[in-house]
Amino acid sequence: GVLHLRLLLFSTSHRILAAHPKISASRRLSTATMGSRSQPPSPPLAEKVKHEMELFGDVRVDNYYWLRDDSRKNPKVISYLQQENAYTEAMMSGTKKFEDEIYAEIRGRIKEDDISAPLRKGPYYYYSRTLEGKEYVQYCRRLIPNRDAPSSVHDTMPTGPDAPPEHVILDENVKAQEHGFYRIGAFKVSYDPASYC
């Protein structure tokens, strides 16, 4: 089948290289890489370590409980995850160009500079926004010009040069600069009247 054909091409290319020593080293390397692809790497195998958990008289066994590492510092777990990542990269290396094309198409269909529907709470409108070229969200608020007017479904948050200034409560883009990955588990504004100034 296909594997046999790849092995045949690999052995043939090595015979050609042996007969023609003037072929550049880079060509030899690319041919060797092609040959190595015919034999995919073996996936890493997670060690089985029996771990019993009892709840309400029911005993469950989780052989992979050792992979739970809330501290993110266990060298054994980190080593195994690195092996998993290396295996994934090796197996998916042939699709990298296609992945980049799909990612670019998805990004091209997303409105990057966007704003959520404002939520009126106390004397402010609260909302979040995304910025073009940025990966994370800004959480913002803007003062309601007529605070005494009752809340209505027809409320419209003013924008433009005459609108009250926008106040950025939290900018995830700034917080994420020091990290390879950043995520807020939960975000909730404390509507403290003392902050209404």
Protein backbone atom coordinates (compact mmCIF):
# COMPACT_ATOMS: atom_id res chain seq x y z
CA GLY A 1 0.00 0.00 0.00
CA VAL A 2 0.97 3.62 0.61
CA LEU A 3 3.47 2.76 3.35
CA HIS A 4 5.21 0.27 1.04
CA LEU A 5 5.43 2.92 -1.70
CA ARG A 6 6.92 5.47 0.73
CA LEU A 7 9.52 2.96 1.91
CA LEU A 8 10.37 2.16 -1.70
CA LEU A 9 10.84 5.85 -2.54
CA PHE A 10 12.93 6.31 0.60
CA SER A 11 15.28 3.43 -0.22
CA THR A 12 15.53 4.56 -3.85
CA SER A 13 16.42 8.11 -2.83
CA HIS A 14 19.19 6.79 -0.57
CA ARG A 15 20.67 4.74 -3.44
CA ILE A 16 20.65 7.85 -5.66
CA LEU A 17 22.34 9.92 -2.95
CA ALA A 18 25.00 7.24 -2.45
CA ALA A 19 25.75 7.21 -6.18
CA HIS A 20 25.93 11.04 -6.41
CA PRO A 21 28.07 12.44 -3.54
CA LYS A 22 27.97 15.97 -5.01
CA ILE A 23 24.32 16.43 -3.99
CA SER A 24 24.17 19.14 -1.32
CA ALA A 25 23.81 18.36 2.37
CA SER A 26 20.54 20.29 2.50
CA ARG A 27 19.08 17.99 -0.17
CA ARG A 28 20.21 14.97 1.84
CA LEU A 29 18.53 16.40 4.93
CA SER A 30 15.22 17.05 3.17
CA THR A 31 15.18 13.52 1.77
CA ALA A 32 15.94 12.05 5.18
CA THR A 33 13.09 14.10 6.66
CA MET A 34 10.75 12.79 3.97
CA GLY A 35 11.75 9.27 4.88
CA SER A 36 11.24 9.79 8.60
CA ARG A 37 7.65 10.87 7.93
CA SER A 38 6.84 7.40 6.63
CA GLN A 39 7.26 6.07 10.15
CA PRO A 40 5.24 8.30 12.48
CA PRO A 41 6.50 8.70 16.03
CA SER A 42 4.91 6.63 18.76
CA PRO A 43 2.55 8.52 21.05
CA PRO A 44 3.68 8.95 24.65
CA LEU A 45 2.01 6.57 27.07
CA ALA A 46 0.80 7.95 30.38
CA GLU A 47 1.81 5.84 33.35
CA LYS A 48 -1.03 4.14 35.21
CA VAL A 49 -1.00 4.87 38.93
CA LYS A 50 -3.93 3.51 40.90
CA HIS A 51 -5.75 6.21 42.86
CA GLU A 52 -8.93 5.42 44.78
CA MET A 53 -11.56 8.04 45.62
CA GLU A 54 -14.46 7.31 47.93
CA LEU A 55 -17.64 9.37 48.03
CA PHE A 56 -20.97 8.34 49.57
CA GLY A 57 -19.68 4.79 50.01
CA ASP A 58 -18.81 4.49 46.31
CA VAL A 59 -15.18 3.80 45.44
CA ARG A 60 -13.87 4.99 42.08
CA VAL A 61 -10.43 4.26 40.65
CA ASP A 62 -8.69 6.86 38.51
CA ASN A 63 -5.39 5.57 37.12
CA TYR A 64 -4.51 8.98 35.69
CA TYR A 65 -5.28 11.16 38.69
CA TRP A 66 -1.56 11.88 38.99
CA LEU A 67 -1.89 14.09 35.90
CA ARG A 68 -3.94 16.58 37.92
CA ASP A 69 -1.54 19.35 38.90
CA ASP A 70 -3.31 22.45 40.17
CA SER A 71 0.04 24.04 41.03
CA ARG A 72 1.26 23.66 37.41
CA LYS A 73 4.71 22.86 38.83
CA ASN A 74 4.94 19.05 38.97
CA PRO A 75 7.98 18.22 36.76
CA LYS A 76 6.63 14.74 35.96
CA VAL A 77 3.33 16.14 34.67
CA ILE A 78 5.04 18.96 32.77
CA SER A 79 7.43 16.47 31.14
CA TYR A 80 4.54 14.28 30.01
CA LEU A 81 2.61 17.25 28.59
CA GLN A 82 5.71 18.35 26.69
CA GLN A 83 5.92 14.86 25.16
CA GLU A 84 2.24 15.09 24.18
CA ASN A 85 2.81 18.49 22.58
CA ALA A 86 5.88 17.28 20.68
CA TYR A 87 3.94 14.27 19.39
CA THR A 88 1.03 16.47 18.27
CA GLU A 89 3.37 18.86 16.45
CA ALA A 90 5.09 15.96 14.69
CA MET A 91 1.81 14.37 13.60
CA MET A 92 0.26 17.67 12.49
CA SER A 93 3.33 19.15 10.82
CA GLY A 94 1.97 18.36 7.36
CA THR A 95 -1.19 20.39 7.94
CA LYS A 96 0.47 23.57 9.28
CA LYS A 97 0.00 25.56 6.07
CA PHE A 98 -3.65 24.51 5.84
CA GLU A 99 -4.22 25.41 9.51
CA ASP A 100 -2.74 28.87 8.94
CA GLU A 101 -5.01 29.39 5.92
CA ILE A 102 -8.12 28.39 7.89
CA TYR A 103 -7.10 30.59 10.82
CA ALA A 104 -6.54 33.58 8.51
CA GLU A 105 -9.95 33.03 6.88
CA ILE A 106 -11.71 32.84 10.27
CA ARG A 107 -9.94 36.00 11.44
CA GLY A 108 -10.93 37.71 8.21
CA ARG A 109 -14.62 37.07 8.92
CA ILE A 110 -14.54 38.39 12.50
CA LYS A 111 -15.24 42.02 13.31
CA GLU A 112 -12.27 42.64 15.57
CA ASP A 113 -13.17 46.18 16.61
CA ASP A 114 -16.48 45.53 18.37
CA ILE A 115 -18.49 46.47 21.44
CA SER A 116 -21.03 44.55 23.52
CA ALA A 117 -24.52 45.83 24.31
CA PRO A 118 -24.20 48.29 27.22
CA LEU A 119 -25.77 47.35 30.54
CA ARG A 120 -27.15 50.21 32.60
CA LYS A 121 -26.39 49.87 36.29
CA GLY A 122 -26.44 52.76 38.74
CA PRO A 123 -25.13 55.91 37.07
CA TYR A 124 -23.08 54.03 34.46
CA TYR A 125 -23.35 52.01 31.28
CA TYR A 126 -21.12 48.93 31.51
CA TYR A 127 -19.84 47.14 28.43
CA SER A 128 -16.87 45.29 26.97
CA ARG A 129 -14.99 45.91 23.77
CA THR A 130 -12.50 44.16 21.51
CA LEU A 131 -9.86 46.06 19.58
CA GLU A 132 -8.42 45.37 16.14
CA GLY A 133 -5.18 43.42 16.38
CA LYS A 134 -5.64 42.68 20.08
CA GLU A 135 -6.33 39.24 21.52
CA TYR A 136 -8.12 40.20 24.73
CA VAL A 137 -11.07 42.21 26.02
CA GLN A 138 -11.40 45.62 27.61
CA TYR A 139 -14.08 46.09 30.29
CA CYS A 140 -15.37 49.65 30.28
CA ARG A 141 -17.99 51.99 31.67
CA ARG A 142 -19.40 55.36 30.68
CA LEU A 143 -21.36 57.80 32.82
CA ILE A 144 -25.07 58.18 32.04
CA PRO A 145 -25.66 61.84 31.12
CA ASN A 146 -29.17 62.03 32.60
CA ARG A 147 -28.91 59.88 35.71
CA ASP A 148 -32.37 60.79 37.00
CA ALA A 149 -34.18 59.49 33.91
CA PRO A 150 -35.76 56.07 34.50
CA SER A 151 -34.24 53.03 32.84
CA SER A 152 -35.88 52.15 29.52
CA VAL A 153 -35.55 49.68 26.67
CA HIS A 154 -34.98 52.73 24.48
CA ASP A 155 -31.83 53.74 26.37
CA THR A 156 -28.93 54.50 24.07
CA MET A 157 -25.43 54.96 25.35
CA PRO A 158 -24.01 58.19 23.97
CA THR A 159 -20.80 58.00 21.95
CA GLY A 160 -18.74 60.53 20.07
CA PRO A 161 -16.86 63.67 21.09
CA ASP A 162 -19.71 65.10 23.21
CA ALA A 163 -20.32 61.88 25.18
CA PRO A 164 -19.03 61.38 28.73
CA PRO A 165 -15.51 59.92 28.67
CA GLU A 166 -15.00 56.17 28.61
CA HIS A 167 -13.41 54.63 31.68
CA VAL A 168 -11.50 51.37 31.14
CA ILE A 169 -12.05 49.29 34.27
CA LEU A 170 -9.86 46.37 33.20
CA ASP A 171 -7.76 45.87 30.08
CA GLU A 172 -6.90 42.19 29.66
CA ASN A 173 -4.42 43.10 26.91
CA VAL A 174 -2.27 44.97 29.44
CA LYS A 175 -2.53 42.20 32.05
CA ALA A 176 -1.70 39.51 29.48
CA GLN A 177 1.59 41.10 28.41
CA GLU A 178 3.53 39.32 31.14
CA HIS A 179 2.05 35.89 30.39
CA GLY A 180 2.07 33.36 27.56
CA PHE A 181 -1.61 32.67 28.24
CA TYR A 182 -4.08 34.77 30.19
CA ARG A 183 -7.68 34.15 31.22
CA ILE A 184 -9.97 35.69 33.80
CA GLY A 185 -12.06 33.03 35.51
CA ALA A 186 -14.84 35.44 36.46
CA PHE A 187 -15.40 39.17 36.14
CA LYS A 188 -18.08 41.04 38.03
CA VAL A 189 -18.35 44.74 38.79
CA SER A 190 -18.96 45.66 42.40
CA TYR A 191 -21.64 48.32 42.28
CA ASP A 192 -20.33 50.26 45.24
CA PRO A 193 -22.00 53.70 45.48
CA ALA A 194 -18.66 55.03 46.73
CA SER A 195 -17.22 54.36 43.26
CA TYR A 196 -19.91 56.47 41.56
CA CYS A 197 -17.78 59.55 41.30
